[in-house]
Amino acid sequence: MSKPQINYSIYLVTDDACLQGRPLLQCVEEALQGGVTLVQYRSKHKDSGSMYEEAIKLKNLCDKYSVPLIINDRVDLALAVGAAGVHIGQSDLPCAAVRKIVSEDFIIGVSAHNVEEALQSVAAGADYLGCGAVFGTATKKDASALGLENLRKIRCAIKLPIVGIGGVNAENYSQILKTGADGAAIISGILGTNNIKATTEKFTKIYKQHQKH
């Protein structure tokens, strides 16, 4: 089986802390209506049963908009709900180990914080890299800033799709694209805003303008 074609341009990562008490599914649907191209389900504090129930609902919602769903960290959960893939960090189950237990068309994303980690992840069989934190981030307290220049260095070093992550919003999104990155992973820059659909539409417009140049 061949891998699905993934558009990494506007990659939404969920975080309940950004939702201001609003329901997750409602917020994600507003983002999908605005043009999000990929969704990652990320939950750090829920039990497996609750995550499974929520992930199934998200999968159905993403299917409605023909947008792939990626699960953060949990390969078992990704397989259980039929997600398109998983995103793993440097301290999670290694990419090469994940590759042994999933099908050929299963997408594996890996977090990389420098060129060395990026090259290692490519060698281990990653399909794309999440590189950050580009601008620093409020959602990950321990993430040191990667910066645009280092993102550009990773872009020059590898051919795989890469997305910049960390502190990305509609004001600095174009700077990520100018490094040659395929897109950006956005958390509070979409989910933390008052009008999620309108904010996502801004990202969509910026991406389309970038494609013209």
N, C-alpha and C. Protein backbone atom coordinates (compact mmCIF):
# COMPACT_ATOMS: atom_id res chain seq x y z
N MET A 1 0.84 -1.21 0.00
CA MET A 1 0.00 0.00 0.00
C MET A 1 0.88 1.25 0.00
N SER A 2 0.46 2.23 -0.76
CA SER A 2 1.23 3.48 -0.79
C SER A 2 0.75 4.40 0.32
N LYS A 3 1.64 5.26 0.76
CA LYS A 3 1.29 6.20 1.84
C LYS A 3 0.33 7.26 1.30
N PRO A 4 -0.61 7.71 2.16
CA PRO A 4 -1.52 8.77 1.72
C PRO A 4 -0.77 10.08 1.49
N GLN A 5 -1.24 10.86 0.54
CA GLN A 5 -0.66 12.19 0.32
C GLN A 5 -1.13 13.11 1.45
N ILE A 6 -0.18 13.67 2.17
CA ILE A 6 -0.52 14.53 3.31
C ILE A 6 -0.16 15.97 2.99
N ASN A 7 -1.08 16.87 3.29
CA ASN A 7 -0.82 18.30 3.18
C ASN A 7 -0.48 18.81 4.59
N TYR A 8 0.77 19.19 4.81
CA TYR A 8 1.23 19.58 6.15
C TYR A 8 1.10 21.08 6.42
N SER A 9 0.49 21.82 5.50
CA SER A 9 0.55 23.28 5.58
C SER A 9 -0.03 23.87 6.87
N ILE A 10 -1.23 23.42 7.25
CA ILE A 10 -1.86 23.95 8.46
C ILE A 10 -2.22 22.76 9.35
N TYR A 11 -1.32 22.44 10.26
CA TYR A 11 -1.33 21.21 11.04
C TYR A 11 -1.79 21.57 12.46
N LEU A 12 -3.03 21.25 12.77
CA LEU A 12 -3.60 21.58 14.08
C LEU A 12 -3.27 20.52 15.11
N VAL A 13 -2.74 20.94 16.26
CA VAL A 13 -2.45 20.03 17.37
C VAL A 13 -3.37 20.40 18.53
N THR A 14 -4.10 19.43 19.06
CA THR A 14 -5.08 19.75 20.10
C THR A 14 -4.42 19.90 21.47
N ASP A 15 -5.00 20.75 22.27
CA ASP A 15 -4.56 20.96 23.65
C ASP A 15 -5.74 21.53 24.42
N ASP A 16 -6.29 20.74 25.34
CA ASP A 16 -7.49 21.16 26.08
C ASP A 16 -7.29 22.48 26.82
N ALA A 17 -6.06 22.76 27.23
CA ALA A 17 -5.79 23.97 28.01
C ALA A 17 -6.05 25.24 27.20
N CYS A 18 -6.06 25.14 25.88
CA CYS A 18 -6.25 26.33 25.02
C CYS A 18 -7.72 26.63 24.72
N LEU A 19 -8.61 25.73 25.10
CA LEU A 19 -9.98 25.79 24.57
C LEU A 19 -10.91 26.77 25.28
N GLN A 20 -10.45 27.34 26.39
CA GLN A 20 -11.26 28.32 27.15
C GLN A 20 -12.62 27.72 27.54
N GLY A 21 -12.60 26.41 27.87
CA GLY A 21 -13.83 25.76 28.31
C GLY A 21 -14.74 25.30 27.18
N ARG A 22 -14.37 25.56 25.94
CA ARG A 22 -15.21 25.15 24.80
C ARG A 22 -15.00 23.67 24.49
N PRO A 23 -16.00 23.00 23.93
CA PRO A 23 -15.84 21.57 23.60
C PRO A 23 -14.79 21.36 22.51
N LEU A 24 -13.97 20.34 22.71
CA LEU A 24 -12.88 20.07 21.76
C LEU A 24 -13.39 19.84 20.34
N LEU A 25 -14.41 18.99 20.20
CA LEU A 25 -14.90 18.66 18.86
C LEU A 25 -15.44 19.87 18.12
N GLN A 26 -16.11 20.73 18.85
CA GLN A 26 -16.64 21.96 18.24
C GLN A 26 -15.48 22.83 17.74
N CYS A 27 -14.45 22.97 18.56
CA CYS A 27 -13.30 23.81 18.20
C CYS A 27 -12.56 23.24 16.99
N VAL A 28 -12.37 21.91 16.99
CA VAL A 28 -11.67 21.28 15.87
C VAL A 28 -12.49 21.42 14.59
N GLU A 29 -13.80 21.28 14.70
CA GLU A 29 -14.64 21.41 13.50
C GLU A 29 -14.57 22.83 12.93
N GLU A 30 -14.55 23.83 13.79
CA GLU A 30 -14.41 25.21 13.32
C GLU A 30 -13.08 25.39 12.58
N ALA A 31 -12.03 24.77 13.11
CA ALA A 31 -10.71 24.84 12.45
C ALA A 31 -10.73 24.12 11.10
N LEU A 32 -11.40 22.98 11.05
CA LEU A 32 -11.52 22.24 9.79
C LEU A 32 -12.29 23.05 8.75
N GLN A 33 -13.32 23.73 9.21
CA GLN A 33 -14.09 24.59 8.31
C GLN A 33 -13.24 25.74 7.76
N GLY A 34 -12.24 26.16 8.56
CA GLY A 34 -11.37 27.25 8.15
C GLY A 34 -10.23 26.83 7.24
N GLY A 35 -10.01 25.50 7.13
CA GLY A 35 -9.00 25.03 6.19
C GLY A 35 -7.84 24.25 6.76
N VAL A 36 -7.94 23.79 8.02
CA VAL A 36 -6.89 22.94 8.58
C VAL A 36 -6.69 21.71 7.70
N THR A 37 -5.43 21.32 7.47
CA THR A 37 -5.14 20.24 6.53
C THR A 37 -4.74 18.92 7.21
N LEU A 38 -4.45 19.00 8.50
CA LEU A 38 -4.01 17.81 9.25
C LEU A 38 -4.29 18.07 10.73
N VAL A 39 -4.76 17.04 11.43
CA VAL A 39 -5.08 17.19 12.86
C VAL A 39 -4.31 16.16 13.67
N GLN A 40 -3.69 16.63 14.75
CA GLN A 40 -3.05 15.71 15.70
C GLN A 40 -3.80 15.77 17.03
N TYR A 41 -4.21 14.59 17.49
CA TYR A 41 -4.86 14.51 18.80
C TYR A 41 -3.79 14.32 19.87
N ARG A 42 -3.72 15.31 20.76
CA ARG A 42 -2.71 15.31 21.81
C ARG A 42 -3.39 15.55 23.15
N SER A 43 -3.28 14.59 24.07
CA SER A 43 -3.87 14.74 25.39
C SER A 43 -2.92 14.14 26.41
N LYS A 44 -2.51 14.95 27.35
CA LYS A 44 -1.48 14.51 28.30
C LYS A 44 -2.05 14.01 29.64
N HIS A 45 -3.33 14.27 29.91
CA HIS A 45 -3.82 14.01 31.27
C HIS A 45 -5.00 13.07 31.35
N LYS A 46 -5.53 12.61 30.21
CA LYS A 46 -6.71 11.74 30.24
C LYS A 46 -6.29 10.26 30.28
N ASP A 47 -7.19 9.43 30.82
CA ASP A 47 -6.91 7.98 30.82
C ASP A 47 -7.16 7.42 29.42
N SER A 48 -6.68 6.20 29.19
CA SER A 48 -6.74 5.60 27.86
C SER A 48 -8.16 5.44 27.33
N GLY A 49 -9.09 5.07 28.23
CA GLY A 49 -10.49 4.89 27.81
C GLY A 49 -11.10 6.18 27.31
N SER A 50 -10.86 7.26 28.05
CA SER A 50 -11.39 8.58 27.65
C SER A 50 -10.75 9.04 26.35
N MET A 51 -9.45 8.81 26.22
CA MET A 51 -8.74 9.20 25.00
C MET A 51 -9.27 8.44 23.80
N TYR A 52 -9.54 7.14 23.98
CA TYR A 52 -10.06 6.33 22.89
C TYR A 52 -11.40 6.87 22.40
N GLU A 53 -12.30 7.15 23.35
CA GLU A 53 -13.62 7.67 22.99
C GLU A 53 -13.52 9.00 22.24
N GLU A 54 -12.64 9.87 22.74
CA GLU A 54 -12.48 11.18 22.11
C GLU A 54 -11.82 11.05 20.73
N ALA A 55 -10.84 10.17 20.65
CA ALA A 55 -10.11 9.98 19.38
C ALA A 55 -11.02 9.40 18.30
N ILE A 56 -11.92 8.50 18.67
CA ILE A 56 -12.88 7.93 17.71
C ILE A 56 -13.77 9.05 17.15
N LYS A 57 -14.26 9.90 18.04
CA LYS A 57 -15.11 11.03 17.60
C LYS A 57 -14.33 11.98 16.68
N LEU A 58 -13.08 12.23 17.04
CA LEU A 58 -12.24 13.09 16.20
C LEU A 58 -11.97 12.46 14.84
N LYS A 59 -11.75 11.15 14.84
CA LYS A 59 -11.51 10.43 13.58
C LYS A 59 -12.72 10.58 12.65
N ASN A 60 -13.91 10.39 13.19
CA ASN A 60 -15.14 10.53 12.40
C ASN A 60 -15.30 11.95 11.87
N LEU A 61 -14.96 12.93 12.71
CA LEU A 61 -15.05 14.33 12.31
C LEU A 61 -14.05 14.64 11.20
N CYS A 62 -12.82 14.18 11.37
CA CYS A 62 -11.79 14.43 10.35
C CYS A 62 -12.15 13.74 9.03
N ASP A 63 -12.72 12.54 9.12
CA ASP A 63 -13.15 11.83 7.91
C ASP A 63 -14.19 12.64 7.14
N LYS A 64 -15.07 13.30 7.88
CA LYS A 64 -16.12 14.13 7.27
C LYS A 64 -15.51 15.22 6.38
N TYR A 65 -14.35 15.71 6.78
CA TYR A 65 -13.67 16.79 6.03
C TYR A 65 -12.50 16.26 5.19
N SER A 66 -12.38 14.93 5.12
CA SER A 66 -11.28 14.30 4.37
C SER A 66 -9.90 14.80 4.80
N VAL A 67 -9.74 14.96 6.11
CA VAL A 67 -8.47 15.41 6.70
C VAL A 67 -7.90 14.28 7.57
N PRO A 68 -6.63 13.91 7.39
CA PRO A 68 -6.06 12.81 8.17
C PRO A 68 -5.93 13.16 9.66
N LEU A 69 -6.04 12.15 10.49
CA LEU A 69 -5.84 12.30 11.94
C LEU A 69 -4.56 11.58 12.34
N ILE A 70 -3.73 12.30 13.09
CA ILE A 70 -2.50 11.75 13.68
C ILE A 70 -2.70 11.71 15.19
N ILE A 71 -2.19 10.68 15.84
CA ILE A 71 -2.27 10.59 17.31
C ILE A 71 -0.89 10.86 17.90
N ASN A 72 -0.84 11.68 18.95
CA ASN A 72 0.42 12.00 19.60
C ASN A 72 0.84 10.86 20.54
N ASP A 73 2.10 10.44 20.43
CA ASP A 73 2.74 9.46 21.34
C ASP A 73 2.22 8.02 21.25
N ARG A 74 0.90 7.85 21.22
CA ARG A 74 0.28 6.54 21.47
C ARG A 74 0.04 5.74 20.18
N VAL A 75 0.99 4.86 19.88
CA VAL A 75 0.87 4.02 18.68
C VAL A 75 -0.34 3.10 18.81
N ASP A 76 -0.56 2.55 20.03
CA ASP A 76 -1.69 1.64 20.25
C ASP A 76 -3.02 2.33 19.97
N LEU A 77 -3.14 3.55 20.44
CA LEU A 77 -4.38 4.31 20.24
C LEU A 77 -4.57 4.65 18.76
N ALA A 78 -3.48 5.02 18.09
CA ALA A 78 -3.55 5.34 16.67
C ALA A 78 -4.05 4.13 15.87
N LEU A 79 -3.53 2.95 16.19
CA LEU A 79 -3.95 1.74 15.50
C LEU A 79 -5.39 1.37 15.85
N ALA A 80 -5.76 1.56 17.11
CA ALA A 80 -7.10 1.19 17.58
C ALA A 80 -8.20 2.01 16.91
N VAL A 81 -7.93 3.28 16.63
CA VAL A 81 -8.97 4.14 16.04
C VAL A 81 -8.83 4.26 14.52
N GLY A 82 -7.82 3.60 13.95
CA GLY A 82 -7.63 3.68 12.50
C GLY A 82 -7.12 5.03 12.04
N ALA A 83 -6.30 5.68 12.87
CA ALA A 83 -5.73 6.99 12.50
C ALA A 83 -4.72 6.82 11.36
N ALA A 84 -4.42 7.91 10.70
CA ALA A 84 -3.46 7.87 9.58
C ALA A 84 -2.04 7.63 10.05
N GLY A 85 -1.77 8.00 11.32
CA GLY A 85 -0.41 7.83 11.81
C GLY A 85 -0.25 8.26 13.25
N VAL A 86 1.01 8.37 13.65
CA VAL A 86 1.36 8.73 15.02
C VAL A 86 2.49 9.75 14.97
N HIS A 87 2.55 10.61 15.99
CA HIS A 87 3.69 11.53 16.13
C HIS A 87 4.39 11.21 17.44
N ILE A 88 5.70 10.96 17.35
CA ILE A 88 6.46 10.57 18.53
C ILE A 88 7.59 11.54 18.82
N GLY A 89 7.89 11.67 20.12
CA GLY A 89 8.98 12.53 20.55
C GLY A 89 10.27 11.73 20.68
N GLN A 90 11.34 12.41 21.02
CA GLN A 90 12.65 11.76 21.13
C GLN A 90 12.71 10.76 22.29
N SER A 91 11.82 10.90 23.28
CA SER A 91 11.86 9.99 24.43
C SER A 91 10.76 8.93 24.37
N ASP A 92 9.99 8.90 23.27
CA ASP A 92 8.94 7.90 23.11
C ASP A 92 9.52 6.62 22.49
N LEU A 93 8.65 5.65 22.19
CA LEU A 93 9.07 4.44 21.49
C LEU A 93 9.80 4.86 20.22
N PRO A 94 11.00 4.33 19.97
CA PRO A 94 11.78 4.78 18.81
C PRO A 94 11.07 4.54 17.48
N CYS A 95 11.33 5.42 16.54
CA CYS A 95 10.71 5.35 15.21
C CYS A 95 10.92 3.99 14.56
N ALA A 96 12.14 3.46 14.63
CA ALA A 96 12.44 2.17 14.00
C ALA A 96 11.61 1.04 14.62
N ALA A 97 11.34 1.14 15.92
CA ALA A 97 10.52 0.13 16.61
C ALA A 97 9.06 0.25 16.18
N VAL A 98 8.58 1.48 16.06
CA VAL A 98 7.20 1.72 15.61
C VAL A 98 7.02 1.16 14.21
N ARG A 99 8.01 1.40 13.36
CA ARG A 99 7.93 0.97 11.96
C ARG A 99 7.73 -0.55 11.86
N LYS A 100 8.25 -1.30 12.84
CA LYS A 100 8.14 -2.77 12.81
C LYS A 100 6.71 -3.26 13.05
N ILE A 101 5.88 -2.43 13.73
CA ILE A 101 4.56 -2.92 14.15
C ILE A 101 3.40 -2.26 13.41
N VAL A 102 3.70 -1.40 12.45
CA VAL A 102 2.63 -0.73 11.71
C VAL A 102 2.70 -1.08 10.23
N SER A 103 1.63 -0.81 9.52
CA SER A 103 1.59 -1.10 8.08
C SER A 103 2.42 -0.09 7.30
N GLU A 104 2.71 -0.42 6.06
CA GLU A 104 3.57 0.43 5.23
C GLU A 104 2.98 1.81 4.97
N ASP A 105 1.65 1.90 4.97
CA ASP A 105 1.01 3.19 4.66
C ASP A 105 0.78 4.05 5.90
N PHE A 106 1.24 3.56 7.07
CA PHE A 106 1.08 4.28 8.34
C PHE A 106 2.12 5.40 8.43
N ILE A 107 1.66 6.60 8.74
CA ILE A 107 2.55 7.78 8.81
C ILE A 107 3.20 7.89 10.19
N ILE A 108 4.50 8.07 10.22
CA ILE A 108 5.21 8.32 11.49
C ILE A 108 5.89 9.67 11.44
N GLY A 109 5.45 10.54 12.33
CA GLY A 109 6.10 11.85 12.49
C GLY A 109 6.99 11.82 13.72
N VAL A 110 8.11 12.50 13.66
CA VAL A 110 9.06 12.52 14.78
C VAL A 110 9.44 13.96 15.10
N SER A 111 9.54 14.26 16.38
CA SER A 111 10.01 15.59 16.81
C SER A 111 11.53 15.66 16.70
N ALA A 112 12.02 16.74 16.10
CA ALA A 112 13.47 16.94 15.98
C ALA A 112 13.81 18.36 16.39
N HIS A 113 14.87 18.49 17.19
CA HIS A 113 15.23 19.80 17.73
C HIS A 113 16.52 20.36 17.14
N ASN A 114 17.15 19.58 16.28
CA ASN A 114 18.39 20.02 15.63
C ASN A 114 18.65 19.13 14.41
N VAL A 115 19.66 19.47 13.64
CA VAL A 115 19.96 18.73 12.41
C VAL A 115 20.31 17.27 12.71
N GLU A 116 21.07 17.03 13.78
CA GLU A 116 21.48 15.66 14.13
C GLU A 116 20.27 14.77 14.38
N GLU A 117 19.31 15.25 15.19
CA GLU A 117 18.10 14.48 15.47
C GLU A 117 17.29 14.28 14.19
N ALA A 118 17.28 15.30 13.33
CA ALA A 118 16.54 15.21 12.07
C ALA A 118 17.11 14.09 11.20
N LEU A 119 18.42 14.05 11.06
CA LEU A 119 19.07 13.03 10.23
C LEU A 119 18.86 11.62 10.80
N GLN A 120 18.94 11.52 12.13
CA GLN A 120 18.71 10.22 12.79
C GLN A 120 17.28 9.74 12.56
N SER A 121 16.33 10.67 12.60
CA SER A 121 14.92 10.33 12.42
C SER A 121 14.64 9.87 10.99
N VAL A 122 15.28 10.51 10.04
CA VAL A 122 15.15 10.10 8.63
C VAL A 122 15.67 8.68 8.46
N ALA A 123 16.84 8.42 9.03
CA ALA A 123 17.46 7.09 8.92
C ALA A 123 16.60 6.01 9.58
N ALA A 124 15.85 6.39 10.62
CA ALA A 124 15.02 5.43 11.36
C ALA A 124 13.68 5.16 10.68
N GLY A 125 13.38 5.94 9.62
CA GLY A 125 12.15 5.67 8.87
C GLY A 125 11.01 6.65 9.09
N ALA A 126 11.31 7.85 9.59
CA ALA A 126 10.26 8.87 9.76
C ALA A 126 9.69 9.29 8.41
N ASP A 127 8.42 9.72 8.43
CA ASP A 127 7.77 10.23 7.22
C ASP A 127 7.77 11.76 7.16
N TYR A 128 7.77 12.38 8.34
CA TYR A 128 7.87 13.84 8.41
C TYR A 128 8.44 14.20 9.77
N LEU A 129 8.91 15.43 9.91
CA LEU A 129 9.47 15.89 11.18
C LEU A 129 8.74 17.13 11.68
N GLY A 130 8.50 17.16 12.97
CA GLY A 130 8.01 18.36 13.64
C GLY A 130 9.20 19.02 14.33
N CYS A 131 9.56 20.22 13.90
CA CYS A 131 10.80 20.86 14.36
C CYS A 131 10.49 22.09 15.20
N GLY A 132 11.04 22.11 16.41
CA GLY A 132 10.77 23.25 17.27
C GLY A 132 11.56 23.16 18.57
N ALA A 133 11.26 24.08 19.46
CA ALA A 133 10.22 25.10 19.32
C ALA A 133 10.79 26.31 18.57
N VAL A 134 10.12 26.67 17.47
CA VAL A 134 10.66 27.74 16.62
C VAL A 134 10.65 29.08 17.33
N PHE A 135 9.51 29.44 17.90
CA PHE A 135 9.40 30.75 18.57
C PHE A 135 9.27 30.62 20.08
N GLY A 136 9.60 29.43 20.63
CA GLY A 136 9.29 29.22 22.05
C GLY A 136 7.81 28.90 22.15
N THR A 137 7.38 28.36 23.27
CA THR A 137 5.99 27.92 23.37
C THR A 137 5.50 27.94 24.80
N ALA A 138 4.21 28.21 24.97
CA ALA A 138 3.61 28.18 26.30
C ALA A 138 3.11 26.79 26.65
N THR A 139 2.88 25.94 25.63
CA THR A 139 2.28 24.63 25.90
C THR A 139 3.32 23.59 26.31
N LYS A 140 4.59 23.84 26.00
CA LYS A 140 5.66 22.92 26.45
C LYS A 140 6.71 23.73 27.20
N LYS A 141 6.71 23.58 28.51
CA LYS A 141 7.58 24.43 29.35
C LYS A 141 9.07 24.14 29.14
N ASP A 142 9.40 22.90 28.74
CA ASP A 142 10.80 22.53 28.66
C ASP A 142 11.40 22.70 27.26
N ALA A 143 10.58 23.21 26.33
CA ALA A 143 11.06 23.30 24.94
C ALA A 143 11.94 24.52 24.75
N SER A 144 13.18 24.30 24.39
CA SER A 144 14.07 25.43 24.12
C SER A 144 13.86 25.88 22.68
N ALA A 145 14.05 27.15 22.44
CA ALA A 145 13.76 27.71 21.13
C ALA A 145 14.74 27.20 20.07
N LEU A 146 14.20 26.78 18.94
CA LEU A 146 15.00 26.32 17.81
C LEU A 146 15.41 27.52 16.96
N GLY A 147 14.44 28.40 16.71
CA GLY A 147 14.71 29.58 15.88
C GLY A 147 14.56 29.29 14.40
N LEU A 148 14.33 30.33 13.64
CA LEU A 148 14.11 30.19 12.19
C LEU A 148 15.35 29.71 11.45
N GLU A 149 16.52 30.19 11.89
CA GLU A 149 17.76 29.83 11.20
C GLU A 149 18.04 28.32 11.30
N ASN A 150 17.81 27.77 12.49
CA ASN A 150 18.03 26.32 12.67
C ASN A 150 16.96 25.50 11.95
N LEU A 151 15.76 26.05 11.84
CA LEU A 151 14.72 25.38 11.05
C LEU A 151 15.16 25.32 9.58
N ARG A 152 15.75 26.41 9.12
CA ARG A 152 16.25 26.48 7.74
C ARG A 152 17.39 25.46 7.53
N LYS A 153 18.23 25.29 8.56
CA LYS A 153 19.33 24.32 8.47
C LYS A 153 18.79 22.89 8.35
N ILE A 154 17.73 22.59 9.11
CA ILE A 154 17.11 21.27 9.02
C ILE A 154 16.52 21.08 7.62
N ARG A 155 15.88 22.14 7.11
CA ARG A 155 15.30 22.07 5.78
C ARG A 155 16.37 21.75 4.72
N CYS A 156 17.52 22.37 4.86
CA CYS A 156 18.61 22.14 3.90
C CYS A 156 19.21 20.74 4.03
N ALA A 157 19.11 20.15 5.22
CA ALA A 157 19.77 18.87 5.49
C ALA A 157 18.95 17.66 5.05
N ILE A 158 17.63 17.83 5.00
CA ILE A 158 16.78 16.66 4.68
C ILE A 158 15.73 16.99 3.63
N LYS A 159 15.24 15.93 2.98
CA LYS A 159 14.22 16.10 1.94
C LYS A 159 12.80 15.80 2.42
N LEU A 160 12.67 15.16 3.57
CA LEU A 160 11.34 14.83 4.10
C LEU A 160 10.53 16.09 4.39
N PRO A 161 9.20 16.00 4.39
CA PRO A 161 8.40 17.14 4.84
C PRO A 161 8.74 17.53 6.28
N ILE A 162 8.82 18.82 6.53
CA ILE A 162 9.03 19.31 7.90
C ILE A 162 8.00 20.38 8.23
N VAL A 163 7.61 20.41 9.49
CA VAL A 163 6.73 21.48 9.98
C VAL A 163 7.39 22.16 11.17
N GLY A 164 7.29 23.47 11.20
CA GLY A 164 7.77 24.22 12.35
C GLY A 164 6.70 24.20 13.44
N ILE A 165 7.13 24.06 14.68
CA ILE A 165 6.17 24.05 15.79
C ILE A 165 6.70 24.92 16.93
N GLY A 166 5.78 25.49 17.69
CA GLY A 166 6.17 26.26 18.87
C GLY A 166 5.94 27.74 18.70
N GLY A 167 4.86 28.23 19.29
CA GLY A 167 4.58 29.66 19.27
C GLY A 167 4.13 30.20 17.93
N VAL A 168 3.65 29.33 17.04
CA VAL A 168 3.25 29.78 15.70
C VAL A 168 1.85 30.39 15.74
N ASN A 169 1.71 31.57 15.15
CA ASN A 169 0.40 32.21 15.03
C ASN A 169 0.27 32.83 13.64
N ALA A 170 -0.86 33.47 13.39
CA ALA A 170 -1.11 34.03 12.05
C ALA A 170 -0.13 35.15 11.71
N GLU A 171 0.47 35.76 12.72
CA GLU A 171 1.42 36.87 12.47
C GLU A 171 2.80 36.37 12.04
N ASN A 172 3.22 35.21 12.54
CA ASN A 172 4.58 34.73 12.20
C ASN A 172 4.59 33.49 11.30
N TYR A 173 3.43 33.01 10.92
CA TYR A 173 3.32 31.80 10.09
C TYR A 173 4.10 31.92 8.77
N SER A 174 4.03 33.07 8.15
CA SER A 174 4.72 33.25 6.86
C SER A 174 6.23 33.10 7.01
N GLN A 175 6.77 33.43 8.18
CA GLN A 175 8.21 33.29 8.42
C GLN A 175 8.63 31.82 8.40
N ILE A 176 7.74 30.96 8.90
CA ILE A 176 7.99 29.51 8.86
C ILE A 176 8.05 29.05 7.40
N LEU A 177 7.08 29.48 6.61
CA LEU A 177 7.02 29.06 5.20
C LEU A 177 8.23 29.54 4.42
N LYS A 178 8.74 30.71 4.77
CA LYS A 178 9.90 31.27 4.05
C LYS A 178 11.19 30.48 4.30
N THR A 179 11.22 29.65 5.35
CA THR A 179 12.41 28.81 5.58
C THR A 179 12.42 27.61 4.64
N GLY A 180 11.32 27.39 3.94
CA GLY A 180 11.21 26.21 3.08
C GLY A 180 10.46 25.07 3.74
N ALA A 181 10.00 25.29 4.97
CA ALA A 181 9.20 24.26 5.67
C ALA A 181 7.90 24.03 4.92
N ASP A 182 7.35 22.82 5.07
CA ASP A 182 6.12 22.46 4.37
C ASP A 182 4.87 23.01 5.05
N GLY A 183 5.04 23.47 6.28
CA GLY A 183 3.91 24.01 7.01
C GLY A 183 4.27 24.23 8.46
N ALA A 184 3.24 24.42 9.28
CA ALA A 184 3.47 24.64 10.70
C ALA A 184 2.45 23.88 11.51
N ALA A 185 2.88 23.38 12.66
CA ALA A 185 1.98 22.78 13.63
C ALA A 185 1.55 23.88 14.59
N ILE A 186 0.26 24.06 14.72
CA ILE A 186 -0.27 25.21 15.47
C ILE A 186 -1.18 24.71 16.58
N ILE A 187 -1.00 25.26 17.75
CA ILE A 187 -1.84 24.86 18.90
C ILE A 187 -2.66 26.08 19.33
N SER A 188 -2.11 26.88 20.25
CA SER A 188 -2.86 28.03 20.77
C SER A 188 -3.09 29.10 19.71
N GLY A 189 -2.23 29.13 18.68
CA GLY A 189 -2.39 30.11 17.60
C GLY A 189 -3.69 29.97 16.86
N ILE A 190 -4.33 28.80 16.99
CA ILE A 190 -5.68 28.60 16.44
C ILE A 190 -6.68 28.35 17.57
N LEU A 191 -6.40 27.34 18.41
CA LEU A 191 -7.38 26.93 19.43
C LEU A 191 -7.54 27.94 20.56
N GLY A 192 -6.56 28.80 20.74
CA GLY A 192 -6.64 29.80 21.81
C GLY A 192 -7.28 31.10 21.38
N THR A 193 -7.74 31.17 20.13
CA THR A 193 -8.32 32.42 19.63
C THR A 193 -9.85 32.41 19.79
N ASN A 194 -10.44 33.59 19.77
CA ASN A 194 -11.89 33.70 20.00
C ASN A 194 -12.70 33.20 18.81
N ASN A 195 -12.20 33.45 17.58
CA ASN A 195 -12.91 33.00 16.38
C ASN A 195 -12.00 32.02 15.63
N ILE A 196 -12.15 30.76 15.94
CA ILE A 196 -11.23 29.74 15.42
C ILE A 196 -11.31 29.62 13.91
N LYS A 197 -12.52 29.64 13.37
CA LYS A 197 -12.69 29.50 11.92
C LYS A 197 -12.03 30.66 11.18
N ALA A 198 -12.29 31.88 11.64
CA ALA A 198 -11.73 33.07 10.99
C ALA A 198 -10.21 33.07 11.09
N THR A 199 -9.67 32.66 12.23
CA THR A 199 -8.22 32.61 12.40
C THR A 199 -7.60 31.59 11.44
N THR A 200 -8.23 30.43 11.34
CA THR A 200 -7.72 29.40 10.45
C THR A 200 -7.77 29.87 8.99
N GLU A 201 -8.80 30.60 8.65
CA GLU A 201 -8.91 31.14 7.29
C GLU A 201 -7.76 32.10 6.98
N LYS A 202 -7.27 32.80 8.00
CA LYS A 202 -6.09 33.67 7.82
C LYS A 202 -4.87 32.84 7.43
N PHE A 203 -4.68 31.73 8.15
CA PHE A 203 -3.56 30.82 7.82
C PHE A 203 -3.69 30.31 6.38
N THR A 204 -4.91 29.93 6.01
CA THR A 204 -5.16 29.41 4.67
C THR A 204 -4.81 30.45 3.61
N LYS A 205 -5.21 31.67 3.86
CA LYS A 205 -4.94 32.77 2.92
C LYS A 205 -3.43 33.02 2.79
N ILE A 206 -2.75 33.03 3.92
CA ILE A 206 -1.28 33.24 3.92
C ILE A 206 -0.59 32.13 3.15
N TYR A 207 -1.02 30.90 3.36
CA TYR A 207 -0.39 29.77 2.66
C TYR A 207 -0.61 29.89 1.15
N LYS A 208 -1.81 30.23 0.75
CA LYS A 208 -2.10 30.36 -0.69
C LYS A 208 -1.28 31.48 -1.33
N GLN A 209 -1.11 32.58 -0.60
CA GLN A 209 -0.28 33.69 -1.10
C GLN A 209 1.16 33.25 -1.24
N HIS A 210 1.63 32.47 -0.27
CA HIS A 210 3.01 31.98 -0.31
C HIS A 210 3.22 31.08 -1.52
N GLN A 211 2.23 30.26 -1.84
CA GLN A 211 2.33 29.32 -2.97
C GLN A 211 2.46 30.04 -4.31
N LYS A 212 1.95 31.26 -4.37
CA LYS A 212 1.99 32.03 -5.63
C LYS A 212 3.40 32.57 -5.91
N HIS A 213 4.19 32.75 -4.84
CA HIS A 213 5.52 33.37 -5.03
C HIS A 213 6.59 32.34 -5.35
